[in-house]
Amino acid sequence: MAATILVVEDEPAIQELISYSLRQAGHIVLCAENAEQAMAAVNDALPDLVLLDWMLPGMSGVEFARMLRRVARTKSIPIIMLTARAEESDKVAGLEIGADDYITKPFSPRELIARIKAVLRRRSPEVADDMIEIKGLQLDPGTHRVTINDEEVTLGPTEFRLLHFLMSHPERVHTRTQLLDGVWGDHVFVEDRTVDVHIRRLRKALEPAAKDTLVQTVRGSGYRLSAGPAMG
């Protein structure tokens, strides 16, 4: 599935190369040349991952990363540091501030894409592009298709993301707030009851194939997707 990636890089040629490679890999790319622009982008909408250059004009990438990690809303955004610094002490410093990975320039686009995929898989399995199948319900993030016994199920984009998130964490109970964080990315302007509306829509879409019961309500807690044996 396409991830929204914020590229914070002040060198135009490098920023363009990275952006082109990410778009070719199917990602949505946002760009910033400094920490101020990057913070404005993050305040507008949370990205799935930040590619952050160590050396930036004004506030450094390291300081910006520290800022992201100090704020509850942004502390869990995956960060990959980009730098020309190859010394081990610099790498350790980058990881100690909370970066998820560290790539030394120059790097190949292929390596960058692989590193991004690995970080997203660790931190946000719902944005990885692996096919998932649970009890005959199959979801393919790459083609954005959901099928049940080879019959395609039509879902809206939000219901697709919701199902993808639930299938990526089978049997785990999620509160409405956790679902808003994981599916909407940022729930500042979204009410908790919005989750209930989309859960109902998702169940209605799965009902003709009798898969609606996989999406379970856990009274007083939230929702989960059942992957265990059927009861009866």
C-alpha atoms as a PDB file:
ATOM      1  CA  MET A   1       0.000   0.000   0.000  1.00  0.00           C
ATOM      2  CA  ALA A   2       1.166   3.508  -0.716  1.00  0.00           C
ATOM      3  CA  ALA A   3       2.643   5.289   2.284  1.00  0.00           C
ATOM      4  CA  THR A   4       2.732   9.058   2.692  1.00  0.00           C
ATOM      5  CA  ILE A   5       6.384  10.007   3.144  1.00  0.00           C
ATOM      6  CA  LEU A   6       7.697  13.423   4.138  1.00  0.00           C
ATOM      7  CA  VAL A   7      11.124  14.129   2.611  1.00  0.00           C
ATOM      8  CA  VAL A   8      13.043  16.830   4.508  1.00  0.00           C
ATOM      9  CA  GLU A   9      16.074  17.630   2.359  1.00  0.00           C
ATOM     10  CA  ASP A  10      17.536  21.046   1.462  1.00  0.00           C
ATOM     11  CA  GLU A  11      19.564  19.949  -1.583  1.00  0.00           C
ATOM     12  CA  PRO A  12      17.184  20.207  -4.593  1.00  0.00           C
ATOM     13  CA  ALA A  13      18.889  17.514  -6.696  1.00  0.00           C
ATOM     14  CA  ILE A  14      18.836  14.961  -3.869  1.00  0.00           C
ATOM     15  CA  GLN A  15      15.275  15.867  -2.925  1.00  0.00           C
ATOM     16  CA  GLU A  16      14.157  15.382  -6.527  1.00  0.00           C
ATOM     17  CA  LEU A  17      15.955  12.038  -6.866  1.00  0.00           C
ATOM     18  CA  ILE A  18      14.426  10.729  -3.646  1.00  0.00           C
ATOM     19  CA  SER A  19      10.957  12.003  -4.553  1.00  0.00           C
ATOM     20  CA  TYR A  20      11.091  10.416  -8.005  1.00  0.00           C
ATOM     21  CA  SER A  21      12.223   7.060  -6.598  1.00  0.00           C
ATOM     22  CA  LEU A  22       9.505   7.058  -3.948  1.00  0.00           C
ATOM     23  CA  ARG A  23       6.773   7.932  -6.449  1.00  0.00           C
ATOM     24  CA  GLN A  24       7.997   5.195  -8.780  1.00  0.00           C
ATOM     25  CA  ALA A  25       7.616   2.790  -5.849  1.00  0.00           C
ATOM     26  CA  GLY A  26       4.001   3.919  -5.436  1.00  0.00           C
ATOM     27  CA  HIS A  27       4.361   6.213  -2.427  1.00  0.00           C
ATOM     28  CA  ILE A  28       2.833   9.636  -1.865  1.00  0.00           C
ATOM     29  CA  VAL A  29       5.580  12.222  -1.370  1.00  0.00           C
ATOM     30  CA  LEU A  30       5.580  15.480   0.583  1.00  0.00           C
ATOM     31  CA  CYS A  31       8.682  17.696   0.480  1.00  0.00           C
ATOM     32  CA  ALA A  32      10.228  20.252   2.815  1.00  0.00           C
ATOM     33  CA  GLU A  33      13.530  22.122   2.629  1.00  0.00           C
ATOM     34  CA  ASN A  34      13.856  22.907   6.325  1.00  0.00           C
ATOM     35  CA  ALA A  35      12.429  22.081   9.745  1.00  0.00           C
ATOM     36  CA  GLU A  36       9.918  24.936   9.629  1.00  0.00           C
ATOM     37  CA  GLN A  37       8.367  23.674   6.372  1.00  0.00           C
ATOM     38  CA  ALA A  38       8.481  20.109   7.690  1.00  0.00           C
ATOM     39  CA  MET A  39       6.630  21.057  10.893  1.00  0.00           C
ATOM     40  CA  ALA A  40       3.964  22.849   8.847  1.00  0.00           C
ATOM     41  CA  ALA A  41       3.488  19.684   6.773  1.00  0.00           C
ATOM     42  CA  VAL A  42       3.272  17.499   9.885  1.00  0.00           C
ATOM     43  CA  ASN A  43       0.779  19.878  11.505  1.00  0.00           C
ATOM     44  CA  ASP A  44      -1.380  19.671   8.386  1.00  0.00           C
ATOM     45  CA  ALA A  45      -1.468  15.850   8.283  1.00  0.00           C
ATOM     46  CA  LEU A  46       0.653  13.111   9.821  1.00  0.00           C
ATOM     47  CA  PRO A  47       2.877  11.271   7.322  1.00  0.00           C
ATOM     48  CA  ASP A  48       3.500   7.534   7.599  1.00  0.00           C
ATOM     49  CA  LEU A  49       7.276   8.110   7.665  1.00  0.00           C
ATOM     50  CA  VAL A  50       9.789  10.984   7.673  1.00  0.00           C
ATOM     51  CA  LEU A  51      13.031  10.910   5.658  1.00  0.00           C
ATOM     52  CA  LEU A  52      15.119  13.500   7.457  1.00  0.00           C
ATOM     53  CA  ASP A  53      18.424  15.034   6.401  1.00  0.00           C
ATOM     54  CA  TRP A  54      20.881  15.490   9.275  1.00  0.00           C
ATOM     55  CA  MET A  55      22.212  18.857   8.055  1.00  0.00           C
ATOM     56  CA  LEU A  56      19.446  21.410   7.445  1.00  0.00           C
ATOM     57  CA  PRO A  57      19.508  25.215   7.339  1.00  0.00           C
ATOM     58  CA  GLY A  58      18.363  26.677  10.648  1.00  0.00           C
ATOM     59  CA  MET A  59      17.203  23.891  12.937  1.00  0.00           C
ATOM     60  CA  SER A  60      19.171  20.676  12.300  1.00  0.00           C
ATOM     61  CA  GLY A  61      17.529  17.410  11.402  1.00  0.00           C
ATOM     62  CA  VAL A  62      18.616  16.013  14.756  1.00  0.00           C
ATOM     63  CA  GLU A  63      16.867  18.817  16.640  1.00  0.00           C
ATOM     64  CA  PHE A  64      13.744  18.395  14.512  1.00  0.00           C
ATOM     65  CA  ALA A  65      13.713  14.663  15.248  1.00  0.00           C
ATOM     66  CA  ARG A  66      13.987  15.411  18.976  1.00  0.00           C
ATOM     67  CA  MET A  67      11.044  17.793  18.643  1.00  0.00           C
ATOM     68  CA  LEU A  68       8.918  15.130  16.940  1.00  0.00           C
ATOM     69  CA  ARG A  69       9.746  12.591  19.652  1.00  0.00           C
ATOM     70  CA  ARG A  70       8.809  15.002  22.467  1.00  0.00           C
ATOM     71  CA  VAL A  71       5.241  15.556  21.251  1.00  0.00           C
ATOM     72  CA  ALA A  72       2.599  12.873  21.849  1.00  0.00           C
ATOM     73  CA  ARG A  73       0.972  13.420  18.444  1.00  0.00           C
ATOM     74  CA  THR A  74       4.208  12.837  16.506  1.00  0.00           C
ATOM     75  CA  LYS A  75       6.359  10.669  18.777  1.00  0.00           C
ATOM     76  CA  SER A  76       5.525   7.422  16.992  1.00  0.00           C
ATOM     77  CA  ILE A  77       6.145   8.595  13.393  1.00  0.00           C
ATOM     78  CA  PRO A  78       8.942   6.435  11.916  1.00  0.00           C
ATOM     79  CA  ILE A  79      12.071   8.488  11.108  1.00  0.00           C
ATOM     80  CA  ILE A  80      14.952   7.569   8.793  1.00  0.00           C
ATOM     81  CA  MET A  81      17.954   9.895   9.016  1.00  0.00           C
ATOM     82  CA  LEU A  82      19.858  10.791   5.824  1.00  0.00           C
ATOM     83  CA  THR A  83      23.407  11.993   6.294  1.00  0.00           C
ATOM     84  CA  ALA A  84      26.904  12.257   4.822  1.00  0.00           C
ATOM     85  CA  ARG A  85      28.307  11.445   8.261  1.00  0.00           C
ATOM     86  CA  ALA A  86      29.674   7.902   8.233  1.00  0.00           C
ATOM     87  CA  GLU A  87      31.287   7.730  11.669  1.00  0.00           C
ATOM     88  CA  GLU A  88      29.835   5.200  14.087  1.00  0.00           C
ATOM     89  CA  SER A  89      29.423   7.862  16.787  1.00  0.00           C
ATOM     90  CA  ASP A  90      27.168   9.863  14.455  1.00  0.00           C
ATOM     91  CA  LYS A  91      25.084   6.813  13.666  1.00  0.00           C
ATOM     92  CA  VAL A  92      24.692   6.071  17.367  1.00  0.00           C
ATOM     93  CA  ALA A  93      23.718   9.696  18.012  1.00  0.00           C
ATOM     94  CA  GLY A  94      21.072   9.528  15.299  1.00  0.00           C
ATOM     95  CA  LEU A  95      19.576   6.344  16.695  1.00  0.00           C
ATOM     96  CA  GLU A  96      19.677   7.608  20.271  1.00  0.00           C
ATOM     97  CA  ILE A  97      17.429  10.557  19.434  1.00  0.00           C
ATOM     98  CA  GLY A  98      14.787   8.099  18.287  1.00  0.00           C
ATOM     99  CA  ALA A  99      15.497   7.546  14.593  1.00  0.00           C
ATOM    100  CA  ASP A 100      14.378   4.141  13.301  1.00  0.00           C
ATOM    101  CA  ASP A 101      17.176   3.852  10.744  1.00  0.00           C
ATOM    102  CA  TYR A 102      20.166   5.738   9.368  1.00  0.00           C
ATOM    103  CA  ILE A 103      21.308   5.887   5.739  1.00  0.00           C
ATOM    104  CA  THR A 104      24.685   7.316   4.735  1.00  0.00           C
ATOM    105  CA  LYS A 105      24.993   9.333   1.522  1.00  0.00           C
ATOM    106  CA  PRO A 106      25.531   8.425  -1.223  1.00  0.00           C
ATOM    107  CA  PHE A 107      22.936   5.645  -1.291  1.00  0.00           C
ATOM    108  CA  SER A 108      21.107   3.859  -4.072  1.00  0.00           C
ATOM    109  CA  PRO A 109      17.360   4.382  -4.608  1.00  0.00           C
ATOM    110  CA  ARG A 110      16.960   0.621  -4.335  1.00  0.00           C
ATOM    111  CA  GLU A 111      18.560   0.563  -0.880  1.00  0.00           C
ATOM    112  CA  LEU A 112      16.408   3.501   0.225  1.00  0.00           C
ATOM    113  CA  ILE A 113      13.173   1.801  -0.846  1.00  0.00           C
ATOM    114  CA  ALA A 114      14.212  -1.414   0.911  1.00  0.00           C
ATOM    115  CA  ARG A 115      15.027   0.446   4.139  1.00  0.00           C
ATOM    116  CA  ILE A 116      11.710   2.301   4.037  1.00  0.00           C
ATOM    117  CA  LYS A 117       9.799  -0.925   3.511  1.00  0.00           C
ATOM    118  CA  ALA A 118      11.603  -2.555   6.444  1.00  0.00           C
ATOM    119  CA  VAL A 119      10.879   0.351   8.797  1.00  0.00           C
ATOM    120  CA  LEU A 120       7.219   0.527   7.765  1.00  0.00           C
ATOM    121  CA  ARG A 121       6.883  -3.213   8.276  1.00  0.00           C
ATOM    122  CA  ARG A 122       8.282  -2.932  11.808  1.00  0.00           C
ATOM    123  CA  ARG A 123       6.464   0.209  12.877  1.00  0.00           C
ATOM    124  CA  SER A 124       3.293   0.162  10.771  1.00  0.00           C
ATOM    125  CA  PRO A 125       2.494  -3.315   9.421  1.00  0.00           C
ATOM    126  CA  GLU A 126      -0.783  -2.008   7.969  1.00  0.00           C
ATOM    127  CA  VAL A 127       1.109   0.036   5.351  1.00  0.00           C
ATOM    128  CA  ALA A 128       3.255  -2.873   4.162  1.00  0.00           C
ATOM    129  CA  ASP A 129       2.276  -4.304   0.771  1.00  0.00           C
ATOM    130  CA  ASP A 130       2.098  -8.017   1.654  1.00  0.00           C
ATOM    131  CA  MET A 131      -1.132  -9.840   0.897  1.00  0.00           C
ATOM    132  CA  ILE A 132      -3.114 -10.905   3.986  1.00  0.00           C
ATOM    133  CA  GLU A 133      -5.601 -13.769   4.185  1.00  0.00           C
ATOM    134  CA  ILE A 134      -7.749 -14.681   7.183  1.00  0.00           C
ATOM    135  CA  LYS A 135     -10.536 -17.272   7.040  1.00  0.00           C
ATOM    136  CA  GLY A 136     -11.019 -16.904   3.290  1.00  0.00           C
ATOM    137  CA  LEU A 137     -10.980 -13.103   3.450  1.00  0.00           C
ATOM    138  CA  GLN A 138      -8.075 -11.878   1.316  1.00  0.00           C
ATOM    139  CA  LEU A 139      -6.724  -8.331   1.153  1.00  0.00           C
ATOM    140  CA  ASP A 140      -4.078  -7.234  -1.355  1.00  0.00           C
ATOM    141  CA  PRO A 141      -2.623  -3.782  -0.527  1.00  0.00           C
ATOM    142  CA  GLY A 142      -0.737  -3.651  -3.830  1.00  0.00           C
ATOM    143  CA  THR A 143      -3.853  -3.874  -6.003  1.00  0.00           C
ATOM    144  CA  HIS A 144      -6.191  -2.416  -3.367  1.00  0.00           C
ATOM    145  CA  ARG A 145      -8.538  -5.398  -3.709  1.00  0.00           C
ATOM    146  CA  VAL A 146     -10.470  -7.434  -1.197  1.00  0.00           C
ATOM    147  CA  THR A 147     -11.761 -10.853  -2.242  1.00  0.00           C
ATOM    148  CA  ILE A 148     -13.717 -13.654  -0.594  1.00  0.00           C
ATOM    149  CA  ASN A 149     -13.432 -17.006  -2.362  1.00  0.00           C
ATOM    150  CA  ASP A 150     -12.189 -15.188  -5.488  1.00  0.00           C
ATOM    151  CA  GLU A 151     -15.233 -12.870  -5.472  1.00  0.00           C
ATOM    152  CA  GLU A 152     -14.250  -9.213  -5.211  1.00  0.00           C
ATOM    153  CA  VAL A 153     -15.739  -7.114  -2.408  1.00  0.00           C
ATOM    154  CA  THR A 154     -16.244  -3.396  -3.045  1.00  0.00           C
ATOM    155  CA  LEU A 155     -15.060  -1.191  -0.190  1.00  0.00           C
ATOM    156  CA  GLY A 156     -14.679   2.541   0.190  1.00  0.00           C
ATOM    157  CA  PRO A 157     -11.141   3.847   0.840  1.00  0.00           C
ATOM    158  CA  THR A 158     -11.698   4.319   4.575  1.00  0.00           C
ATOM    159  CA  GLU A 159     -13.287   0.886   4.982  1.00  0.00           C
ATOM    160  CA  PHE A 160     -10.334  -0.611   3.074  1.00  0.00           C
ATOM    161  CA  ARG A 161      -7.822   1.049   5.422  1.00  0.00           C
ATOM    162  CA  LEU A 162      -9.869  -0.008   8.435  1.00  0.00           C
ATOM    163  CA  LEU A 163     -10.006  -3.636   7.296  1.00  0.00           C
ATOM    164  CA  HIS A 164      -6.297  -3.562   6.448  1.00  0.00           C
ATOM    165  CA  PHE A 165      -5.462  -2.281   9.919  1.00  0.00           C
ATOM    166  CA  LEU A 166      -7.629  -4.893  11.654  1.00  0.00           C
ATOM    167  CA  MET A 167      -6.279  -7.735   9.492  1.00  0.00           C
ATOM    168  CA  SER A 168      -2.712  -6.591  10.175  1.00  0.00           C
ATOM    169  CA  HIS A 169      -3.365  -7.002  13.921  1.00  0.00           C
ATOM    170  CA  PRO A 170      -5.647 -10.069  14.161  1.00  0.00           C
ATOM    171  CA  GLU A 171      -7.221 -10.863  17.539  1.00  0.00           C
ATOM    172  CA  ARG A 172      -5.913  -7.626  19.037  1.00  0.00           C
ATOM    173  CA  VAL A 173      -8.571  -5.398  20.597  1.00  0.00           C
ATOM    174  CA  HIS A 174      -8.348  -1.748  19.507  1.00  0.00           C
ATOM    175  CA  THR A 175     -10.068   1.168  21.186  1.00  0.00           C
ATOM    176  CA  ARG A 176     -11.765   3.764  18.997  1.00  0.00           C
ATOM    177  CA  THR A 177      -8.901   6.165  19.691  1.00  0.00           C
ATOM    178  CA  GLN A 178      -6.329   3.572  18.592  1.00  0.00           C
ATOM    179  CA  LEU A 179      -8.280   2.950  15.391  1.00  0.00           C
ATOM    180  CA  LEU A 180      -8.472   6.682  14.699  1.00  0.00           C
ATOM    181  CA  ASP A 181      -4.690   6.927  15.135  1.00  0.00           C
ATOM    182  CA  GLY A 182      -3.969   3.868  13.025  1.00  0.00           C
ATOM    183  CA  VAL A 183      -6.486   4.352  10.216  1.00  0.00           C
ATOM    184  CA  TRP A 184      -7.056   8.090   9.969  1.00  0.00           C
ATOM    185  CA  GLY A 185      -3.482   8.956  10.962  1.00  0.00           C
ATOM    186  CA  ASP A 186      -4.586  11.912  13.037  1.00  0.00           C
ATOM    187  CA  HIS A 187      -7.864  12.171  14.918  1.00  0.00           C
ATOM    188  CA  VAL A 188      -7.747  15.839  15.904  1.00  0.00           C
ATOM    189  CA  PHE A 189     -10.876  16.659  13.890  1.00  0.00           C
ATOM    190  CA  VAL A 190     -12.551  13.247  13.855  1.00  0.00           C
ATOM    191  CA  GLU A 191     -15.049  12.054  16.466  1.00  0.00           C
ATOM    192  CA  ASP A 192     -14.904   8.621  18.090  1.00  0.00           C
ATOM    193  CA  ARG A 193     -18.343   7.721  16.740  1.00  0.00           C
ATOM    194  CA  THR A 194     -16.936   8.044  13.204  1.00  0.00           C
ATOM    195  CA  VAL A 195     -15.253   4.678  13.830  1.00  0.00           C
ATOM    196  CA  ASP A 196     -18.630   3.076  14.580  1.00  0.00           C
ATOM    197  CA  VAL A 197     -20.068   4.383  11.307  1.00  0.00           C
ATOM    198  CA  HIS A 198     -17.248   2.888   9.235  1.00  0.00           C
ATOM    199  CA  ILE A 199     -17.342  -0.390  11.166  1.00  0.00           C
ATOM    200  CA  ARG A 200     -21.024  -0.690  10.232  1.00  0.00           C
ATOM    201  CA  ARG A 201     -20.222   0.027   6.577  1.00  0.00           C
ATOM    202  CA  LEU A 202     -17.438  -2.534   6.599  1.00  0.00           C
ATOM    203  CA  ARG A 203     -19.688  -5.198   8.086  1.00  0.00           C
ATOM    204  CA  LYS A 204     -22.430  -4.425   5.571  1.00  0.00           C
ATOM    205  CA  ALA A 205     -19.943  -4.924   2.701  1.00  0.00           C
ATOM    206  CA  LEU A 206     -18.787  -8.267   4.155  1.00  0.00           C
ATOM    207  CA  GLU A 207     -22.276  -9.490   5.076  1.00  0.00           C
ATOM    208  CA  PRO A 208     -23.278 -11.038   1.693  1.00  0.00           C
ATOM    209  CA  ALA A 209     -20.328 -13.447   2.005  1.00  0.00           C
ATOM    210  CA  ALA A 210     -21.059 -14.088   5.692  1.00  0.00           C
ATOM    211  CA  LYS A 211     -17.721 -12.564   6.763  1.00  0.00           C
ATOM    212  CA  ASP A 212     -19.208  -9.664   8.710  1.00  0.00           C
ATOM    213  CA  THR A 213     -18.931 -11.667  11.961  1.00  0.00           C
ATOM    214  CA  LEU A 214     -15.125 -11.555  11.696  1.00  0.00           C
ATOM    215  CA  VAL A 215     -15.294  -7.897  12.767  1.00  0.00           C
ATOM    216  CA  GLN A 216     -16.227  -8.219  16.429  1.00  0.00           C
ATOM    217  CA  THR A 217     -17.324  -5.667  19.014  1.00  0.00           C
ATOM    218  CA  VAL A 218     -15.633  -6.074  22.383  1.00  0.00           C
ATOM    219  CA  ARG A 219     -18.030  -4.481  24.844  1.00  0.00           C
ATOM    220  CA  GLY A 220     -16.491  -1.609  26.752  1.00  0.00           C
ATOM    221  CA  SER A 221     -13.194  -1.850  24.852  1.00  0.00           C
ATOM    222  CA  GLY A 222     -13.478  -1.489  21.078  1.00  0.00           C
ATOM    223  CA  TYR A 223     -13.163  -3.772  18.066  1.00  0.00           C
ATOM    224  CA  ARG A 224     -11.090  -6.689  16.841  1.00  0.00           C
ATOM    225  CA  LEU A 225     -10.844  -8.966  13.824  1.00  0.00           C
ATOM    226  CA  SER A 226     -11.275 -12.614  14.748  1.00  0.00           C
ATOM    227  CA  ALA A 227      -8.739 -15.034  13.299  1.00  0.00           C
ATOM    228  CA  GLY A 228      -9.463 -17.979  15.616  1.00  0.00           C
ATOM    229  CA  PRO A 229     -11.603 -21.070  15.003  1.00  0.00           C
ATOM    230  CA  ALA A 230     -15.319 -20.522  14.620  1.00  0.00           C
ATOM    231  CA  MET A 231     -17.411 -21.121  17.714  1.00  0.00           C
ATOM    232  CA  GLY A 232     -20.391 -23.416  17.623  1.00  0.00           C
END
